[in-house]
Protein backbone atom coordinates (compact mmCIF):
# COMPACT_ATOMS: atom_id res chain seq x y z
CA UNK A 1 148.63 212.98 157.71
CA UNK A 2 150.58 210.93 160.20
CA UNK A 3 147.38 209.16 161.20
CA UNK A 4 146.53 208.38 157.61
CA UNK A 5 149.96 206.89 157.01
CA UNK A 6 149.69 204.88 160.19
CA UNK A 7 146.23 203.63 159.07
CA UNK A 8 147.56 202.66 155.65
CA UNK A 9 150.57 200.93 157.15
CA UNK A 10 148.37 199.02 159.56
CA UNK A 11 145.73 198.00 156.96
CA UNK A 12 147.83 197.75 153.75
CA UNK A 13 147.69 193.96 153.53
CA UNK A 14 143.97 193.90 154.16
CA UNK A 15 143.40 196.43 151.36
CA UNK A 16 145.52 194.43 148.93
CA UNK A 17 143.75 191.19 149.79
CA UNK A 18 140.34 192.84 149.38
CA UNK A 19 141.36 194.30 146.02
CA UNK A 20 142.66 190.93 144.83
CA UNK A 21 139.43 189.23 145.90
CA UNK A 22 137.38 191.78 143.97
CA UNK A 23 139.48 191.24 140.84
CA UNK A 24 139.13 187.46 141.10
CA UNK A 25 135.36 187.75 141.47
CA UNK A 26 135.17 190.00 138.42
CA UNK A 27 137.24 187.58 136.33
CA UNK A 28 135.11 184.61 137.37
CA UNK A 29 131.92 186.51 136.59
CA UNK A 30 133.19 187.45 133.14
CA UNK A 31 134.13 183.83 132.41
CA UNK A 32 130.74 182.55 133.52
CA UNK A 33 128.95 185.05 131.33
CA UNK A 34 131.13 184.14 128.35
CA UNK A 35 130.48 180.39 128.81
CA UNK A 36 126.75 181.01 129.19
CA UNK A 37 126.52 182.97 125.93
CA UNK A 38 128.59 180.42 124.01
CA UNK A 39 126.50 177.42 125.22
CA UNK A 40 123.17 178.85 124.06
CA UNK A 41 124.05 178.86 120.33
CA UNK A 42 125.32 175.28 120.69
CA UNK A 43 122.00 174.13 122.10
CA UNK A 44 120.16 175.96 119.34
CA UNK A 45 122.43 174.41 116.72
CA UNK A 46 121.78 170.96 118.19
CA UNK A 47 118.05 171.56 118.10
CA UNK A 48 118.22 172.77 114.50
CA UNK A 49 120.34 169.76 113.53
CA UNK A 50 117.86 167.37 115.14
CA UNK A 51 114.97 169.04 113.34
CA UNK A 52 116.81 168.84 109.98
CA UNK A 53 117.60 165.16 110.55
CA UNK A 54 113.96 164.41 111.30
CA UNK A 55 112.86 166.22 108.12
CA UNK A 56 115.38 164.31 106.00
CA UNK A 57 114.24 160.99 107.48
CA UNK A 58 110.60 161.80 106.76
CA UNK A 59 111.50 162.79 103.20
CA UNK A 60 113.40 159.52 102.68
CA UNK A 61 110.44 157.50 103.99
CA UNK A 62 108.11 159.32 101.62
CA UNK A 63 110.41 158.63 98.67
CA UNK A 64 110.65 154.94 99.59
CA UNK A 65 106.88 154.73 99.92
CA UNK A 66 106.51 156.41 96.52
CA UNK A 67 108.95 153.96 94.93
CA UNK A 68 107.06 150.98 96.36
CA UNK A 69 103.77 152.38 95.08
CA UNK A 70 105.26 152.92 91.62
CA UNK A 71 106.65 149.37 91.63
CA UNK A 72 103.27 147.95 92.63
CA UNK A 73 101.53 149.91 89.88
CA UNK A 74 104.10 148.72 87.30
CA UNK A 75 103.63 145.11 88.42
CA UNK A 76 99.86 145.43 88.18
CA UNK A 77 100.21 146.92 84.70
CA UNK A 78 102.48 144.07 83.56
CA UNK A 79 100.02 141.48 84.89
CA UNK A 80 97.19 143.23 83.12
CA UNK A 81 99.10 143.34 79.83
CA UNK A 82 100.07 139.67 80.20
CA UNK A 83 96.46 138.72 80.81
CA UNK A 84 95.28 140.63 77.73
CA UNK A 85 97.92 139.20 75.35
CA UNK A 86 96.22 137.40 72.48
CA UNK A 87 97.32 133.85 71.68
CA UNK A 88 96.09 131.20 69.27
CA UNK A 89 95.66 127.47 69.96
CA UNK A 90 94.58 124.61 67.71
CA UNK A 91 91.96 122.37 69.36
CA UNK A 92 91.75 118.92 67.79
CA UNK A 93 90.30 115.50 68.48
CA UNK A 94 87.17 114.63 70.42
CA UNK A 95 85.58 118.08 70.69
CA UNK A 96 82.39 119.33 69.10
CA UNK A 97 83.93 122.14 67.03
CA UNK A 98 87.65 121.55 66.30
CA UNK A 99 89.58 124.56 65.05
CA UNK A 100 91.91 127.45 65.85
CA UNK A 101 90.75 129.71 68.68
CA UNK A 102 91.99 133.01 70.07
CA UNK A 103 92.77 132.92 73.82
CA UNK A 104 94.80 134.90 76.34
CA UNK A 105 97.81 134.01 78.49
CA UNK A 106 95.72 133.42 81.64
CA UNK A 107 93.49 130.77 80.08
CA UNK A 108 93.80 127.01 80.61
CA UNK A 109 93.17 123.90 78.51
CA UNK A 110 89.63 123.65 79.89
CA UNK A 111 88.91 127.13 78.50
CA UNK A 112 90.11 126.13 75.02
CA UNK A 113 87.90 123.04 75.13
CA UNK A 114 84.90 125.16 76.09
CA UNK A 115 85.61 127.50 73.16
CA UNK A 116 85.54 124.44 70.89
CA UNK A 117 82.05 123.52 72.12
CA UNK A 118 83.17 121.10 74.82
CA UNK A 119 83.88 117.36 74.72
CA UNK A 120 81.96 115.08 72.42
CA UNK A 121 80.67 111.70 73.56
CA UNK A 122 83.79 109.79 72.53
CA UNK A 123 86.26 112.01 74.47
CA UNK A 124 88.56 110.39 77.01
CA UNK A 125 88.68 113.14 79.67
CA UNK A 126 90.97 111.19 81.99
CA UNK A 127 93.99 111.65 79.71
CA UNK A 128 93.79 115.48 79.63
CA UNK A 129 95.32 117.94 82.08
CA UNK A 130 92.53 120.52 82.10
CA UNK A 131 94.52 122.88 84.36
CA UNK A 132 97.48 123.27 81.97
CA UNK A 133 98.17 126.90 80.99
CA UNK A 134 97.82 127.67 77.29
CA UNK A 135 100.71 128.93 75.14
CA UNK A 136 100.80 130.45 71.69
CA UNK A 137 100.63 127.93 68.79
CA UNK A 138 99.76 125.09 71.19
CA UNK A 139 97.90 122.07 69.85
CA UNK A 140 95.29 120.82 72.34
CA UNK A 141 94.49 117.25 71.31
CA UNK A 142 91.58 115.44 72.96
CA UNK A 143 91.91 111.64 72.59
CA UNK A 144 88.94 109.37 72.09
CA UNK A 145 88.11 106.52 74.42
CA UNK A 146 90.26 103.48 73.76
CA UNK A 147 93.34 105.29 72.41
CA UNK A 148 96.67 103.78 73.39
CA UNK A 149 98.11 105.85 76.23
CA UNK A 150 101.63 104.56 75.74
CA UNK A 151 101.90 106.27 72.37
CA UNK A 152 100.97 109.70 73.67
CA UNK A 153 103.91 112.06 74.15
CA UNK A 154 104.21 115.76 74.91
CA UNK A 155 106.59 117.33 72.39
CA UNK A 156 108.05 120.75 71.67
CA UNK A 157 108.76 121.90 68.13
CA UNK A 158 112.40 123.09 67.73
CA UNK A 159 113.13 126.68 66.74
CA UNK A 160 109.75 128.04 67.80
CA UNK A 161 109.14 130.63 70.50
CA UNK A 162 107.15 130.05 72.59
CA UNK A 163 107.47 126.27 72.20
CA UNK A 164 104.58 124.62 70.40
CA UNK A 165 103.26 121.79 72.54
CA UNK A 166 101.38 118.93 70.93
CA UNK A 167 100.13 115.57 72.02
CA UNK A 168 100.40 112.82 69.44
CA UNK A 169 98.50 109.61 69.94
CA UNK A 170 97.47 106.64 67.84
CA UNK A 171 93.84 105.58 67.71
CA UNK A 172 92.63 102.01 67.66
CA UNK A 173 91.26 100.76 64.33
CA UNK A 174 87.68 101.72 63.46
CA UNK A 175 85.38 101.45 60.46
CA UNK A 176 86.13 105.04 59.38
CA UNK A 177 89.89 104.81 59.87
CA UNK A 178 92.62 102.87 58.11
CA UNK A 179 93.90 99.74 59.87
CA UNK A 180 96.92 101.37 61.54
CA UNK A 181 98.34 101.30 65.06
CA UNK A 182 101.13 103.58 66.37
CA UNK A 183 101.83 104.82 62.84
CA UNK A 184 102.18 101.37 61.22
CA UNK A 185 100.20 100.50 58.09
CA UNK A 186 99.73 96.79 57.42
CA UNK A 187 97.99 96.86 54.04
CA UNK A 188 101.02 97.27 51.77
CA UNK A 189 101.26 95.32 48.52
CA UNK A 190 104.28 93.31 49.63
CA UNK A 191 102.76 92.35 52.97
CA UNK A 192 105.35 94.12 55.08
CA UNK A 193 104.52 96.79 57.68
CA UNK A 194 105.25 100.37 56.71
CA UNK A 195 105.66 103.38 58.99
CA UNK A 196 103.16 106.17 58.36
CA UNK A 197 105.01 109.51 58.31
CA UNK A 198 101.86 111.38 59.40
CA UNK A 199 100.89 109.27 62.42
CA UNK A 200 104.08 107.61 63.68
CA UNK A 201 105.46 108.85 66.99
CA UNK A 202 109.14 109.33 67.73
CA UNK A 203 109.68 105.77 68.95
CA UNK A 204 108.14 104.26 65.82
CA UNK A 205 110.11 106.58 63.51
CA UNK A 206 113.36 105.45 65.12
CA UNK A 207 112.58 101.90 64.06
CA UNK A 208 113.28 102.96 60.47
CA UNK A 209 116.71 102.15 59.10
CA UNK A 210 119.09 105.07 59.65
CA UNK A 211 116.62 107.20 61.67
CA UNK A 212 117.96 108.21 65.07
CA UNK A 213 116.75 110.55 67.77
CA UNK A 214 117.67 113.76 65.89
CA UNK A 215 116.14 112.79 62.53
CA UNK A 216 112.96 111.58 64.20
CA UNK A 217 112.62 114.99 65.88
CA UNK A 218 113.17 116.68 62.49
CA UNK A 219 110.35 114.68 60.90
CA UNK A 220 107.97 115.55 63.75
CA UNK A 221 109.02 119.22 63.64
CA UNK A 222 108.38 119.39 59.87
CA UNK A 223 105.01 117.71 60.32
CA UNK A 224 103.96 120.21 62.98
CA UNK A 225 105.16 123.22 60.98
CA UNK A 226 103.91 122.26 57.49
CA UNK A 227 101.07 119.85 58.18
CA UNK A 228 100.83 116.25 57.04
CA UNK A 229 103.02 114.73 54.36
CA UNK A 230 101.09 114.59 51.09
CA UNK A 231 103.44 112.00 49.62
CA UNK A 232 106.48 110.10 50.77
CA UNK A 233 108.59 112.28 48.44
CA UNK A 234 107.89 115.22 50.78
CA UNK A 235 110.35 113.59 53.17
CA UNK A 236 113.14 115.04 51.03
CA UNK A 237 111.97 118.51 52.12
CA UNK A 238 112.92 117.73 55.73
CA UNK A 239 116.41 119.07 56.62
CA UNK A 240 118.96 116.26 56.61
CA UNK A 241 117.03 113.97 54.23
CA UNK A 242 118.53 113.78 50.77
CA UNK A 243 117.95 111.48 47.81
CA UNK A 244 120.18 108.74 49.22
CA UNK A 245 118.40 108.65 52.57
CA UNK A 246 115.01 108.72 50.85
CA UNK A 247 115.97 105.79 48.58
CA UNK A 248 116.85 103.74 51.67
CA UNK A 249 113.54 104.53 53.36
CA UNK A 250 110.93 104.69 50.56
CA UNK A 251 110.11 100.99 50.76
CA UNK A 252 109.45 101.27 54.52
CA UNK A 253 107.32 104.40 54.69
CA UNK A 254 103.89 105.55 53.61
CA UNK A 255 101.45 108.46 54.13
């Protein structure tokens, strides 16, 4: 027993140090194991999150691609419907078969002329824009050779949708036509020149007493909507023209 006590007394510090070292090693091992287990789920979570993000991105790209495809199809459908829309144009002047023809929104003036049988021999092709797109209610007028270019004007009829476009021009005198130029008739009984309500352009109408820019447009608009004036009294049917205005103009106008 005395030897054991002496051994313990001599080696007590060594035993304590060894025990402390073992405890420290155990604690460190436990901590390392704990950290190792906790890090694995984190890596798995990160992998799962990355996979989910990739899937969402792919889904978004597919949706965007689908939207673009739908937009392209809708645009193609609109273009197709626009091209098949039926319109009507009135082809007049130097063509073989004047009349009203059914066209579509993609057709041009040259197409309307072809529907009317093409130009006749007297047509002045240089004055026509063959590439102009057609619109509903448009009047396509083909002038004859020798018509006065200065009296041709492109006009739009008010209060019509789409706007009715018409070209008005005055022809030079011929054997089959009355002796008129730019809407002026010279054969009146009193020898004075009268303005023809059916052929006068805007400039010539404004030469009448009391007719300004607005009233000239109203006369042209009425003429395009209702056809030619059958008598000078029809002028009273134009908005803004009453009996007093007609009395002031009747000696200066004709049909």
